[in-house]
């Protein structure tokens, strides 16, 4: 981890990469900006990073661009290491349970392979 960073975000598997590649250039820049914020700011506002209640250690990186809302599921490993696993465009007020289940499955796979 770079010494000037407070956290490090890494990407696990193809799920995030597939999500990211489907975004337009300006949205990618906003995702990059948000991830940089997570890595460099001591106290990240909930607007950008929030624990999902009723889950064991699952967080969402929250990105808003224009009228679109995106969520990238993540979790911590080894202290300040954030593992980003999958993302989606949020179209309803509640996070779909199917997306949460998918994220929990990927999280379990990550720790099983570690």
C-alpha atoms as a PDB file:
ATOM      1  CA  UNK A   1       0.000   0.000   0.000  1.00  0.00           C
ATOM      2  CA  UNK A   2       1.315   3.451  -0.845  1.00  0.00           C
ATOM      3  CA  UNK A   3       2.368   5.311   2.287  1.00  0.00           C
ATOM      4  CA  UNK A   4       0.187   8.364   1.572  1.00  0.00           C
ATOM      5  CA  UNK A   5      -2.919   6.203   1.262  1.00  0.00           C
ATOM      6  CA  UNK A   6      -5.087   5.400   4.257  1.00  0.00           C
ATOM      7  CA  UNK A   7      -6.746   2.445   2.538  1.00  0.00           C
ATOM      8  CA  UNK A   8      -6.165   0.430  -0.589  1.00  0.00           C
ATOM      9  CA  UNK A   9      -8.958  -0.658  -2.925  1.00  0.00           C
ATOM     10  CA  UNK A  10      -8.387  -3.729  -5.071  1.00  0.00           C
ATOM     11  CA  UNK A  11     -10.753  -5.486  -7.446  1.00  0.00           C
ATOM     12  CA  UNK A  12     -11.560  -9.165  -7.176  1.00  0.00           C
ATOM     13  CA  UNK A  13     -12.775 -11.274 -10.071  1.00  0.00           C
ATOM     14  CA  UNK A  14     -14.384 -10.256 -13.325  1.00  0.00           C
ATOM     15  CA  UNK A  15     -17.653  -8.877 -11.933  1.00  0.00           C
ATOM     16  CA  UNK A  16     -16.344  -5.382 -11.218  1.00  0.00           C
ATOM     17  CA  UNK A  17     -14.325  -5.249 -14.439  1.00  0.00           C
ATOM     18  CA  UNK A  18     -17.424  -6.171 -16.494  1.00  0.00           C
ATOM     19  CA  UNK A  19     -19.490  -3.515 -14.708  1.00  0.00           C
ATOM     20  CA  UNK A  20     -16.785  -0.853 -15.133  1.00  0.00           C
ATOM     21  CA  UNK A  21     -16.218  -1.566 -18.826  1.00  0.00           C
ATOM     22  CA  UNK A  22     -19.913  -0.971 -19.493  1.00  0.00           C
ATOM     23  CA  UNK A  23     -19.802   2.579 -18.137  1.00  0.00           C
ATOM     24  CA  UNK A  24     -19.315   5.692 -20.250  1.00  0.00           C
ATOM     25  CA  UNK A  25     -16.112   7.719 -19.873  1.00  0.00           C
ATOM     26  CA  UNK A  26     -17.543  10.412 -17.564  1.00  0.00           C
ATOM     27  CA  UNK A  27     -19.117   7.858 -15.240  1.00  0.00           C
ATOM     28  CA  UNK A  28     -15.815   5.954 -15.094  1.00  0.00           C
ATOM     29  CA  UNK A  29     -14.109   9.184 -14.019  1.00  0.00           C
ATOM     30  CA  UNK A  30     -16.643   9.597 -11.189  1.00  0.00           C
ATOM     31  CA  UNK A  31     -16.092   5.970 -10.088  1.00  0.00           C
ATOM     32  CA  UNK A  32     -12.319   6.565 -10.141  1.00  0.00           C
ATOM     33  CA  UNK A  33     -12.740   9.785  -8.138  1.00  0.00           C
ATOM     34  CA  UNK A  34     -14.862   8.004  -5.519  1.00  0.00           C
ATOM     35  CA  UNK A  35     -12.371   5.153  -5.156  1.00  0.00           C
ATOM     36  CA  UNK A  36      -9.546   7.682  -4.766  1.00  0.00           C
ATOM     37  CA  UNK A  37     -11.591   9.363  -2.034  1.00  0.00           C
ATOM     38  CA  UNK A  38     -11.855   6.044  -0.175  1.00  0.00           C
ATOM     39  CA  UNK A  39      -8.120   5.566  -0.384  1.00  0.00           C
ATOM     40  CA  UNK A  40      -7.053   9.039   0.719  1.00  0.00           C
ATOM     41  CA  UNK A  41      -9.638  10.589   3.076  1.00  0.00           C
ATOM     42  CA  UNK A  42      -9.606   9.576   6.734  1.00  0.00           C
ATOM     43  CA  UNK A  43     -13.342  10.003   7.349  1.00  0.00           C
ATOM     44  CA  UNK A  44     -15.318   9.053   4.258  1.00  0.00           C
ATOM     45  CA  UNK A  45     -18.868  10.440   4.279  1.00  0.00           C
ATOM     46  CA  UNK A  46     -21.696   7.887   4.172  1.00  0.00           C
ATOM     47  CA  UNK A  47     -22.732   9.479   0.916  1.00  0.00           C
ATOM     48  CA  UNK A  48     -19.782   7.633  -0.684  1.00  0.00           C
ATOM     49  CA  UNK A  49     -19.251   4.535   1.462  1.00  0.00           C
ATOM     50  CA  UNK A  50     -21.769   2.812   3.691  1.00  0.00           C
ATOM     51  CA  UNK A  51     -22.123  -0.476   5.552  1.00  0.00           C
ATOM     52  CA  UNK A  52     -25.154  -2.449   4.409  1.00  0.00           C
ATOM     53  CA  UNK A  53     -27.276  -3.175   7.440  1.00  0.00           C
ATOM     54  CA  UNK A  54     -28.150  -6.776   8.156  1.00  0.00           C
ATOM     55  CA  UNK A  55     -25.062  -8.056   6.321  1.00  0.00           C
ATOM     56  CA  UNK A  56     -21.815  -9.354   7.734  1.00  0.00           C
ATOM     57  CA  UNK A  57     -19.261  -6.771   6.668  1.00  0.00           C
ATOM     58  CA  UNK A  58     -20.669  -5.885   3.262  1.00  0.00           C
ATOM     59  CA  UNK A  59     -20.288  -2.253   2.191  1.00  0.00           C
ATOM     60  CA  UNK A  60     -21.357  -0.293  -0.829  1.00  0.00           C
ATOM     61  CA  UNK A  61     -19.261   2.274  -2.611  1.00  0.00           C
ATOM     62  CA  UNK A  62     -21.833   4.844  -3.642  1.00  0.00           C
ATOM     63  CA  UNK A  63     -21.489   6.755  -6.898  1.00  0.00           C
ATOM     64  CA  UNK A  64     -23.970   9.284  -8.242  1.00  0.00           C
ATOM     65  CA  UNK A  65     -23.512  10.821 -11.643  1.00  0.00           C
ATOM     66  CA  UNK A  66     -26.216  12.997 -13.137  1.00  0.00           C
ATOM     67  CA  UNK A  67     -29.510  11.275 -12.453  1.00  0.00           C
ATOM     68  CA  UNK A  68     -27.868   7.829 -12.273  1.00  0.00           C
ATOM     69  CA  UNK A  69     -26.944   5.984  -9.091  1.00  0.00           C
ATOM     70  CA  UNK A  70     -24.383   3.192  -9.020  1.00  0.00           C
ATOM     71  CA  UNK A  71     -23.380   0.834  -6.239  1.00  0.00           C
ATOM     72  CA  UNK A  72     -20.197  -1.203  -5.963  1.00  0.00           C
ATOM     73  CA  UNK A  73     -20.200  -3.884  -3.289  1.00  0.00           C
ATOM     74  CA  UNK A  74     -17.073  -4.274  -1.223  1.00  0.00           C
ATOM     75  CA  UNK A  75     -15.705  -5.558   2.078  1.00  0.00           C
ATOM     76  CA  UNK A  76     -12.598  -5.226   4.204  1.00  0.00           C
ATOM     77  CA  UNK A  77      -9.726  -7.694   4.353  1.00  0.00           C
ATOM     78  CA  UNK A  78      -6.522  -7.330   6.380  1.00  0.00           C
ATOM     79  CA  UNK A  79      -7.346  -4.053   8.102  1.00  0.00           C
ATOM     80  CA  UNK A  80      -7.513  -1.232   5.594  1.00  0.00           C
ATOM     81  CA  UNK A  81      -7.659  -3.296   2.418  1.00  0.00           C
ATOM     82  CA  UNK A  82     -10.995  -2.878   0.624  1.00  0.00           C
ATOM     83  CA  UNK A  83     -11.993  -5.570  -1.840  1.00  0.00           C
ATOM     84  CA  UNK A  84     -14.396  -4.283  -4.527  1.00  0.00           C
ATOM     85  CA  UNK A  85     -16.357  -7.142  -6.028  1.00  0.00           C
ATOM     86  CA  UNK A  86     -19.332  -6.193  -8.182  1.00  0.00           C
ATOM     87  CA  UNK A  87     -21.320  -3.167  -9.231  1.00  0.00           C
ATOM     88  CA  UNK A  88     -24.678  -2.300 -10.699  1.00  0.00           C
ATOM     89  CA  UNK A  89     -26.845   0.662 -11.596  1.00  0.00           C
ATOM     90  CA  UNK A  90     -29.414   1.231  -8.897  1.00  0.00           C
ATOM     91  CA  UNK A  91     -32.896   1.840 -10.264  1.00  0.00           C
ATOM     92  CA  UNK A  92     -35.029   1.398  -7.127  1.00  0.00           C
ATOM     93  CA  UNK A  93     -34.951   2.865  -3.619  1.00  0.00           C
ATOM     94  CA  UNK A  94     -33.912  -0.417  -2.043  1.00  0.00           C
ATOM     95  CA  UNK A  95     -30.869  -2.406  -3.019  1.00  0.00           C
ATOM     96  CA  UNK A  96     -32.157  -5.570  -4.725  1.00  0.00           C
ATOM     97  CA  UNK A  97     -31.768  -8.654  -2.527  1.00  0.00           C
ATOM     98  CA  UNK A  98     -30.490 -10.609  -5.524  1.00  0.00           C
ATOM     99  CA  UNK A  99     -27.560  -8.176  -5.838  1.00  0.00           C
ATOM    100  CA  UNK A 100     -26.789  -8.499  -2.117  1.00  0.00           C
ATOM    101  CA  UNK A 101     -26.882 -12.308  -2.338  1.00  0.00           C
ATOM    102  CA  UNK A 102     -24.568 -12.226  -5.358  1.00  0.00           C
ATOM    103  CA  UNK A 103     -22.124 -10.005  -3.449  1.00  0.00           C
ATOM    104  CA  UNK A 104     -22.180 -12.255  -0.382  1.00  0.00           C
ATOM    105  CA  UNK A 105     -21.490 -15.278  -2.590  1.00  0.00           C
ATOM    106  CA  UNK A 106     -18.493 -13.530  -4.195  1.00  0.00           C
ATOM    107  CA  UNK A 107     -17.220 -12.457  -0.756  1.00  0.00           C
ATOM    108  CA  UNK A 108     -17.379 -16.047   0.462  1.00  0.00           C
ATOM    109  CA  UNK A 109     -15.566 -17.238  -2.668  1.00  0.00           C
ATOM    110  CA  UNK A 110     -12.822 -14.645  -2.075  1.00  0.00           C
ATOM    111  CA  UNK A 111     -12.111 -15.859   1.441  1.00  0.00           C
ATOM    112  CA  UNK A 112     -12.297 -19.520   0.386  1.00  0.00           C
ATOM    113  CA  UNK A 113      -9.640 -18.904  -2.278  1.00  0.00           C
ATOM    114  CA  UNK A 114      -7.388 -16.849  -0.027  1.00  0.00           C
END
